[in-house]
Each structure stands twice: as structure tokens, then as C-alpha cells.
Amino acid sequence: MSESHSLLVLPHVRVQNANAISSPLTWGFPAMTAFAGLMHLLERRLAERDVPLLFEGVGVVCHHCEPQASHRGYTHAFHLTRNPLDRDGDTAAIVEEGRVHLDVSLVFAVLGDACAAPAEERAAVAREVGELLLTLRVAGGTVLPGSLQGRRWNGPELIPLDEREDERRRQYKRLLRRWLPGFALVCRDDVLHERHAQMCADDPDATLLDAWLDLSRLNMTCRSEDDDGEETIRWEARRRPGWLVPIPVGYGALGPLQVGGDVRRARDEATPLRFVESLYSIGQWVSPHRLDSPERLLWYVDNRLDEGRYRLRNDYIDNAAEFV
């Protein structure tokens, strides 16, 4: 991404009952596609208010994540709601829904005339975005008012990046320190392909899915030790390079684009429709102070419509390999 944009920061947004089921295969923290959808919705709502602001990317720093689930050993179960009785007085069917409470800081890369406005006007635009966010849903969850109190950076800010390299680096350091303690989610396609190459060396039939599953689970390895002439077997967990997690990064087409109205019972009969499935990659949670700039945590849309691929990218590692 270009580094000529400004940053719109919404610190410590508290979200209640966000969607914890991020894809058919993953759960926990919401998918980054949900935050990209929030970004596009903010842009449209601001355009309706004649606010000159264009959104290019979104980053998320998680300060607290509380899944609404209980577990015994390795078995987890979501806390489900009890639906009202139906008209016959019988218990209504339960539709399993995963929920999570979040405390996150949202970072948007923005462009527009508002970025070059005086400080008072930038502050007014940032406050308007913060007020607008309270009326929206974040990953299906309700945004609660309140953030850090009694500090200079407790509210939304629209921060233009300095053109001078040395000054911009000082801005980066100040911003990254503000987001501590917390962890930012970045994309690690390179780790996925590196693991795939290692597995292919032992098994030529290994696929990217095998590598993705291998990085997504806890792997135990066995080794034998000679202890005074007696063989001892030890099991230990295989160490992984960082806090790696399986994540969905977008959608892949399952068929051709359908003309609006051709598919029965579609939500919108005027908009073209396409059946898709989730695309997966490997993400990593990193502390913000380990980033050299806020741009490293930003996710942006990189669709390939002719190939039927709708996905998000992140430049934590430049020139990352392709996805699953």
C-alpha cells in the first residue's frame, strides 16, 4: 500500500456479542472481512453526510477478547440463548451462534480533503466518525460507548502523516506505543508456503491444505533419550515461529456470476450474485511495538474478478506468496 495516506484511529472500541464464528472452519476472533465491510459502510455513510473521506485499508489491534464459551478439557461449547416458546408452547429450535466480547482499536488508512484540513476540522471529522460508529454493528456486535478516560488520546483522531521520513518515524513510534498492551493481526502467507515446502520434501503429495492444518493445530513429537543405558521416550510440543492462527482471508467463486433476479429468494434481486466459499491462510498476532510502521497492520481489498477471487491482503511481509 502507499504510505501517502492519513490514519484515522478509533481507540478502544468495545464491542459486545460480535460474531465468533469467522468461517466454516475457524472460530474465535471475527474475520478481517467483517472489519473490511465496516470500513466500506463507514465510507458510504460519510459520503451521505458529504464528508470528503475515502478509506483504503483497515487494521485491528485487539486489547481484550472474551469468547462466550465454556470448555472442559479440549471440548468447547458456545453459550447459547434460550429462544421464546413457539405458538404451540413447544421449545423453539436452537440455532448455534458464537459470540465474543471485544476491546479493539481500529486503524483506517484514509484519503481526502479532510486530511489536509486544519486541526480543528480534522478533530470534528474524527468525532463524527466516532459518533457514526456507535450506530453501526462491528462483526455483528453492538458498539458500546466508552474508551480510555483521562488521557490525551482517548478519542478518535485523524492523523496526517508527515512527508519527512524522520518525523514520520517519530509519529509511528508514538502511535504504536499507544496501542499497547494489545496484539495486531497480520497475514503470514509466507509461513504457510514455507511449511508446505518443508512437508513436500518428506511427502511429495502434501498439499497447501495439509500445511494449513499442520500450522493450525498443536503437534506433539516423540524422541528417545538414553538415560544410563535405559531408553526413555519423551513427548514434546513442536514449537512454531510466533503466535500463528488459521484465518479466512476472503472468498473464492464456485460458479459464474449470476444476473440479478436469476437466483430465487436472493436478498437483492437487482444486484448480480455469485456463490462462493471461504479462502484460508495463516495469520499471526504481533505486538504493535514490533512493527516498523502502522501500514504493516493494514488490510486492503485485492480482488481478482476475472479469476473469481475476492480477498484481503496485508503487507506485513512484502511480496507474499499466494493463498490456499
Protein backbone atom coordinates (compact mmCIF):
# COMPACT_ATOMS: atom_id res chain seq x y z
CA MET A 1 0.00 0.00 0.00
CA SER A 2 1.01 3.60 -0.49
CA GLU A 3 2.26 5.50 2.56
CA SER A 4 0.86 8.87 1.37
CA HIS A 5 -2.45 8.50 3.23
CA SER A 6 -3.52 9.66 6.68
CA LEU A 7 -4.57 7.48 9.59
CA LEU A 8 -7.97 7.55 11.25
CA VAL A 9 -7.66 5.96 14.70
CA LEU A 10 -10.63 4.84 16.82
CA PRO A 11 -9.07 3.64 20.09
CA HIS A 12 -10.52 1.02 22.43
CA VAL A 13 -13.82 0.34 20.73
CA ARG A 14 -15.80 -2.01 22.97
CA VAL A 15 -17.98 -4.48 21.08
CA GLN A 16 -20.48 -6.81 22.69
CA ASN A 17 -21.64 -10.10 21.14
CA ALA A 18 -19.62 -9.94 17.94
CA ASN A 19 -19.67 -12.98 15.68
CA ALA A 20 -17.12 -15.51 16.92
CA ILE A 21 -17.63 -17.98 14.05
CA SER A 22 -15.35 -16.43 11.45
CA SER A 23 -15.71 -19.19 8.82
CA PRO A 24 -16.89 -22.80 8.42
CA LEU A 25 -13.51 -23.99 9.78
CA THR A 26 -12.39 -21.32 12.25
CA TRP A 27 -13.77 -19.59 15.33
CA GLY A 28 -12.67 -17.08 17.94
CA PHE A 29 -11.76 -13.61 16.69
CA PRO A 30 -14.00 -12.21 13.91
CA ALA A 31 -12.77 -12.42 10.33
CA MET A 32 -10.96 -9.41 8.89
CA THR A 33 -13.57 -9.37 6.11
CA ALA A 34 -16.05 -8.20 8.77
CA PHE A 35 -13.87 -5.18 9.55
CA ALA A 36 -13.39 -4.50 5.83
CA GLY A 37 -17.19 -4.48 5.49
CA LEU A 38 -17.37 -1.98 8.35
CA MET A 39 -14.82 0.17 6.52
CA HIS A 40 -16.90 0.25 3.33
CA LEU A 41 -20.07 1.01 5.28
CA LEU A 42 -18.39 3.93 7.06
CA GLU A 43 -17.25 5.31 3.72
CA ARG A 44 -20.79 5.15 2.29
CA ARG A 45 -22.40 6.71 5.35
CA LEU A 46 -19.85 9.53 5.41
CA ALA A 47 -20.46 10.18 1.71
CA GLU A 48 -24.15 10.63 2.51
CA ARG A 49 -23.10 13.32 5.01
CA ASP A 50 -20.79 15.00 2.44
CA VAL A 51 -17.67 14.18 4.47
CA PRO A 52 -14.72 14.05 1.99
CA LEU A 53 -13.02 10.89 3.21
CA LEU A 54 -12.01 7.77 1.25
CA PHE A 55 -10.99 4.56 3.02
CA GLU A 56 -8.11 2.44 1.66
CA GLY A 57 -7.36 -0.08 4.42
CA VAL A 58 -8.20 -1.21 7.94
CA GLY A 59 -6.13 -2.58 10.79
CA VAL A 60 -7.21 -4.03 14.12
CA VAL A 61 -5.36 -4.12 17.44
CA CYS A 62 -7.05 -6.40 19.96
CA HIS A 63 -6.72 -5.42 23.63
CA HIS A 64 -9.21 -7.91 25.06
CA CYS A 65 -11.09 -10.88 23.61
CA GLU A 66 -13.65 -12.81 25.65
CA PRO A 67 -15.37 -15.64 23.74
CA GLN A 68 -18.76 -16.52 25.17
CA ALA A 69 -17.94 -20.19 25.52
CA SER A 70 -17.18 -22.74 28.20
CA HIS A 71 -14.84 -25.71 27.94
CA ARG A 72 -13.94 -28.91 29.67
CA GLY A 73 -10.60 -30.15 28.55
CA TYR A 74 -10.44 -29.92 24.77
CA THR A 75 -14.22 -29.59 24.27
CA HIS A 76 -15.67 -26.10 23.85
CA ALA A 77 -19.34 -25.12 23.79
CA PHE A 78 -20.85 -21.73 22.98
CA HIS A 79 -23.18 -20.01 25.42
CA LEU A 80 -26.49 -20.09 23.54
CA THR A 81 -29.63 -18.03 24.08
CA ARG A 82 -32.92 -19.60 25.06
CA ASN A 83 -35.45 -18.61 22.40
CA PRO A 84 -39.10 -17.92 23.30
CA LEU A 85 -41.59 -20.76 23.04
CA ASP A 86 -43.37 -21.16 19.74
CA ARG A 87 -47.11 -20.66 19.32
CA ASP A 88 -47.80 -24.26 20.34
CA GLY A 89 -45.90 -23.83 23.58
CA ASP A 90 -43.02 -26.03 22.49
CA THR A 91 -39.34 -25.20 22.83
CA ALA A 92 -38.09 -23.44 19.71
CA ALA A 93 -35.19 -24.94 17.77
CA ILE A 94 -31.76 -23.71 18.81
CA VAL A 95 -29.59 -22.15 16.13
CA GLU A 96 -26.00 -22.27 17.35
CA GLU A 97 -24.39 -18.83 17.34
CA GLY A 98 -20.93 -17.97 18.58
CA ARG A 99 -20.41 -14.65 20.31
CA VAL A 100 -17.39 -12.78 21.62
CA HIS A 101 -16.86 -9.55 23.56
CA LEU A 102 -14.05 -7.37 22.19
CA ASP A 103 -11.97 -4.34 23.08
CA VAL A 104 -10.22 -3.28 19.87
CA SER A 105 -8.56 -0.23 18.36
CA LEU A 106 -9.46 0.36 14.71
CA VAL A 107 -6.95 1.97 12.37
CA PHE A 108 -8.06 3.15 8.93
CA ALA A 109 -5.93 4.41 6.05
CA VAL A 110 -7.85 7.35 4.57
CA LEU A 111 -7.53 9.91 1.79
CA GLY A 112 -9.46 13.07 1.06
CA ASP A 113 -9.65 16.81 1.55
CA ALA A 114 -10.42 16.36 5.24
CA CYS A 115 -6.88 15.02 5.78
CA ALA A 116 -5.38 18.37 4.77
CA ALA A 117 -7.82 20.46 6.80
CA PRO A 118 -6.82 22.42 9.92
CA ALA A 119 -6.56 20.56 13.21
CA GLU A 120 -9.98 21.71 14.42
CA GLU A 121 -11.72 20.41 11.30
CA ARG A 122 -9.85 17.11 11.44
CA ALA A 123 -10.90 16.68 15.06
CA ALA A 124 -14.53 17.37 14.10
CA VAL A 125 -14.40 14.76 11.33
CA ALA A 126 -12.87 12.18 13.68
CA ARG A 127 -15.58 12.85 16.28
CA GLU A 128 -18.26 12.46 13.61
CA VAL A 129 -16.82 9.09 12.59
CA GLY A 130 -16.78 8.00 16.23
CA GLU A 131 -20.41 9.03 16.68
CA LEU A 132 -21.37 7.26 13.46
CA LEU A 133 -19.64 4.08 14.62
CA LEU A 134 -21.91 3.94 17.67
CA THR A 135 -24.90 3.49 15.34
CA LEU A 136 -23.35 0.58 13.41
CA ARG A 137 -22.52 -3.05 14.01
CA VAL A 138 -18.97 -4.37 14.19
CA ALA A 139 -18.82 -8.01 13.06
CA GLY A 140 -22.48 -8.28 14.05
CA GLY A 141 -21.80 -6.95 17.55
CA THR A 142 -23.09 -3.88 19.34
CA VAL A 143 -20.68 -0.99 19.84
CA LEU A 144 -20.66 0.26 23.44
CA PRO A 145 -19.76 3.84 24.33
CA GLY A 146 -16.64 4.47 26.33
CA SER A 147 -12.90 4.17 25.88
CA LEU A 148 -9.78 5.14 27.84
CA GLN A 149 -10.57 8.11 30.04
CA GLY A 150 -8.27 10.77 31.38
CA ARG A 151 -5.68 10.50 28.61
CA ARG A 152 -4.84 12.77 25.75
CA TRP A 153 -5.52 10.13 23.10
CA ASN A 154 -8.78 8.80 24.50
CA GLY A 155 -10.88 9.77 21.47
CA PRO A 156 -10.91 9.31 17.69
CA GLU A 157 -8.13 11.06 15.77
CA LEU A 158 -7.46 11.88 12.13
CA ILE A 159 -3.67 11.99 11.85
CA PRO A 160 -1.96 13.22 8.66
CA LEU A 161 1.40 11.56 8.15
CA ASP A 162 4.36 13.88 7.80
CA GLU A 163 6.16 13.94 4.46
CA ARG A 164 9.58 13.99 6.15
CA GLU A 165 10.88 10.50 6.79
CA ASP A 166 12.45 11.20 10.20
CA GLU A 167 9.33 12.95 11.52
CA ARG A 168 7.08 10.23 10.16
CA ARG A 169 9.11 7.60 12.03
CA ARG A 170 8.62 9.56 15.27
CA GLN A 171 4.88 9.61 14.54
CA TYR A 172 4.99 5.85 14.04
CA LYS A 173 6.67 5.25 17.40
CA ARG A 174 4.17 7.41 19.26
CA LEU A 175 1.21 5.69 17.60
CA LEU A 176 2.48 2.15 18.07
CA ARG A 177 3.14 2.73 21.78
CA ARG A 178 -0.44 3.97 22.25
CA TRP A 179 -1.80 0.58 21.18
CA LEU A 180 -0.04 -1.29 23.98
CA PRO A 181 -0.93 -3.63 25.55
CA GLY A 182 -2.51 -5.37 22.59
CA PHE A 183 -1.87 -7.55 19.55
CA ALA A 184 -2.36 -6.82 15.86
CA LEU A 185 -3.45 -9.48 13.38
CA VAL A 186 -1.28 -9.70 10.25
CA CYS A 187 -1.13 -12.12 7.33
CA ARG A 188 1.64 -14.73 7.03
CA ASP A 189 1.18 -16.38 3.63
CA ASP A 190 4.95 -16.82 3.57
CA VAL A 191 4.91 -19.09 6.64
CA LEU A 192 2.21 -21.24 5.04
CA HIS A 193 4.23 -21.78 1.86
CA GLU A 194 7.45 -22.32 3.77
CA ARG A 195 5.78 -25.09 5.78
CA HIS A 196 4.33 -26.56 2.58
CA ALA A 197 7.80 -26.75 1.03
CA GLN A 198 9.14 -28.49 4.14
CA MET A 199 6.34 -31.06 4.05
CA CYS A 200 6.83 -31.69 0.32
CA ALA A 201 10.45 -32.63 1.00
CA ASP A 202 9.17 -35.62 3.02
CA ASP A 203 5.92 -36.21 1.16
CA PRO A 204 5.64 -35.01 -2.46
CA ASP A 205 1.86 -35.40 -2.28
CA ALA A 206 1.47 -32.89 0.55
CA THR A 207 -0.90 -30.03 -0.26
CA LEU A 208 -1.33 -26.49 0.98
CA LEU A 209 -4.31 -27.71 2.97
CA ASP A 210 -2.04 -30.20 4.77
CA ALA A 211 0.35 -27.39 5.62
CA TRP A 212 -2.52 -25.16 6.79
CA LEU A 213 -3.85 -27.89 9.08
CA ASP A 214 -0.37 -28.62 10.40
CA LEU A 215 0.10 -24.95 11.39
CA SER A 216 -3.40 -24.77 12.87
CA ARG A 217 -3.04 -27.48 15.49
CA LEU A 218 -0.81 -28.45 18.38
CA ASN A 219 1.67 -31.04 17.11
CA MET A 220 3.44 -33.41 19.52
CA THR A 221 6.71 -35.06 18.58
CA CYS A 222 8.35 -38.10 20.14
CA ARG A 223 12.05 -38.51 20.79
CA SER A 224 14.04 -41.15 22.63
CA GLU A 225 16.85 -40.43 25.10
CA ASP A 226 19.48 -42.73 26.53
CA ASP A 227 19.38 -42.39 30.32
CA ASP A 228 22.16 -44.52 31.87
CA GLY A 229 21.65 -47.29 29.38
CA GLU A 230 17.86 -47.14 29.56
CA GLU A 231 15.85 -45.75 26.70
CA THR A 232 13.43 -43.01 27.74
CA ILE A 233 10.64 -41.77 25.48
CA ARG A 234 9.73 -38.11 25.73
CA TRP A 235 6.87 -36.22 24.10
CA GLU A 236 7.11 -32.51 23.50
CA ALA A 237 5.13 -29.86 21.60
CA ARG A 238 6.63 -28.71 18.32
CA ARG A 239 7.47 -25.03 18.57
CA ARG A 240 6.04 -22.67 15.97
CA PRO A 241 7.56 -19.34 14.80
CA GLY A 242 5.26 -16.89 16.56
CA TRP A 243 1.62 -16.81 17.59
CA LEU A 244 0.16 -18.33 14.41
CA VAL A 245 -3.56 -18.80 13.83
CA PRO A 246 -5.69 -20.08 10.93
CA ILE A 247 -7.77 -17.27 9.40
CA PRO A 248 -10.18 -16.71 6.50
CA VAL A 249 -8.94 -14.04 4.08
CA GLY A 250 -11.79 -13.80 1.58
CA TYR A 251 -13.91 -15.80 -0.82
CA GLY A 252 -13.44 -17.83 -3.99
CA ALA A 253 -16.12 -18.25 -6.66
CA LEU A 254 -17.84 -21.62 -7.06
CA GLY A 255 -19.51 -20.71 -10.33
CA PRO A 256 -20.15 -17.91 -12.80
CA LEU A 257 -21.65 -14.54 -11.90
CA GLN A 258 -25.44 -14.67 -11.98
CA VAL A 259 -27.53 -11.79 -13.27
CA GLY A 260 -29.63 -10.05 -10.64
CA GLY A 261 -33.03 -11.71 -10.34
CA ASP A 262 -31.94 -15.07 -11.80
CA VAL A 263 -31.49 -16.71 -8.38
CA ARG A 264 -34.70 -17.23 -6.44
CA ARG A 265 -35.01 -15.87 -2.92
CA ALA A 266 -31.87 -13.75 -3.19
CA ARG A 267 -31.64 -10.85 -0.78
CA ASP A 268 -31.37 -8.29 -3.58
CA GLU A 269 -32.89 -9.03 -6.99
CA ALA A 270 -31.13 -6.10 -8.68
CA THR A 271 -27.54 -6.99 -7.72
CA PRO A 272 -25.54 -9.73 -9.52
CA LEU A 273 -24.97 -12.81 -7.37
CA ARG A 274 -22.21 -15.40 -7.11
CA PHE A 275 -21.86 -18.49 -4.95
CA VAL A 276 -18.53 -18.54 -3.11
CA GLU A 277 -16.56 -20.46 -0.49
CA SER A 278 -14.06 -19.22 2.07
CA LEU A 279 -10.37 -18.78 1.31
CA TYR A 280 -7.93 -19.51 4.12
CA SER A 281 -4.41 -18.52 5.07
CA ILE A 282 -2.28 -18.21 8.19
CA GLY A 283 -2.30 -15.11 10.37
CA GLN A 284 -0.07 -14.02 13.22
CA TRP A 285 -0.73 -11.94 16.30
CA VAL A 286 2.14 -9.49 16.83
CA SER A 287 2.69 -6.78 19.39
CA PRO A 288 2.41 -3.30 17.78
CA HIS A 289 5.81 -2.23 19.09
CA ARG A 290 7.39 -4.87 16.83
CA LEU A 291 6.05 -3.17 13.69
CA ASP A 292 8.17 -0.63 11.86
CA SER A 293 5.08 1.34 10.76
CA PRO A 294 1.26 1.24 11.18
CA GLU A 295 0.96 0.31 7.50
CA ARG A 296 2.19 -3.20 8.38
CA LEU A 297 -1.07 -3.97 10.20
CA LEU A 298 -3.41 -2.59 7.49
CA TRP A 299 -5.56 -4.93 5.40
CA TYR A 300 -6.87 -3.86 1.99
CA VAL A 301 -9.02 -5.32 -0.78
CA ASP A 302 -7.20 -7.07 -3.64
CA ASN A 303 -9.94 -8.66 -5.76
CA ARG A 304 -9.30 -10.56 -9.00
CA LEU A 305 -12.72 -10.53 -10.59
CA ASP A 306 -11.67 -12.38 -13.75
CA GLU A 307 -10.43 -15.27 -11.57
CA GLY A 308 -13.37 -15.15 -9.17
CA ARG A 309 -11.22 -14.28 -6.15
CA TYR A 310 -12.35 -11.80 -3.54
CA ARG A 311 -9.77 -11.47 -0.82
CA LEU A 312 -7.94 -9.19 1.57
CA ARG A 313 -4.20 -8.64 1.67
CA ASN A 314 -1.79 -7.37 4.26
CA ASP A 315 1.74 -6.06 3.69
CA TYR A 316 3.34 -7.27 6.91
CA ILE A 317 5.56 -9.34 4.62
CA ASP A 318 6.00 -7.75 1.19
CA ASN A 319 5.63 -9.88 -1.94
CA ALA A 320 3.83 -12.61 -0.01
CA ALA A 321 3.05 -15.84 -1.83
CA GLU A 322 -0.39 -16.83 -3.00
CA PHE A 323 -3.06 -18.19 -0.68
CA VAL A 324 -4.83 -21.50 -0.35
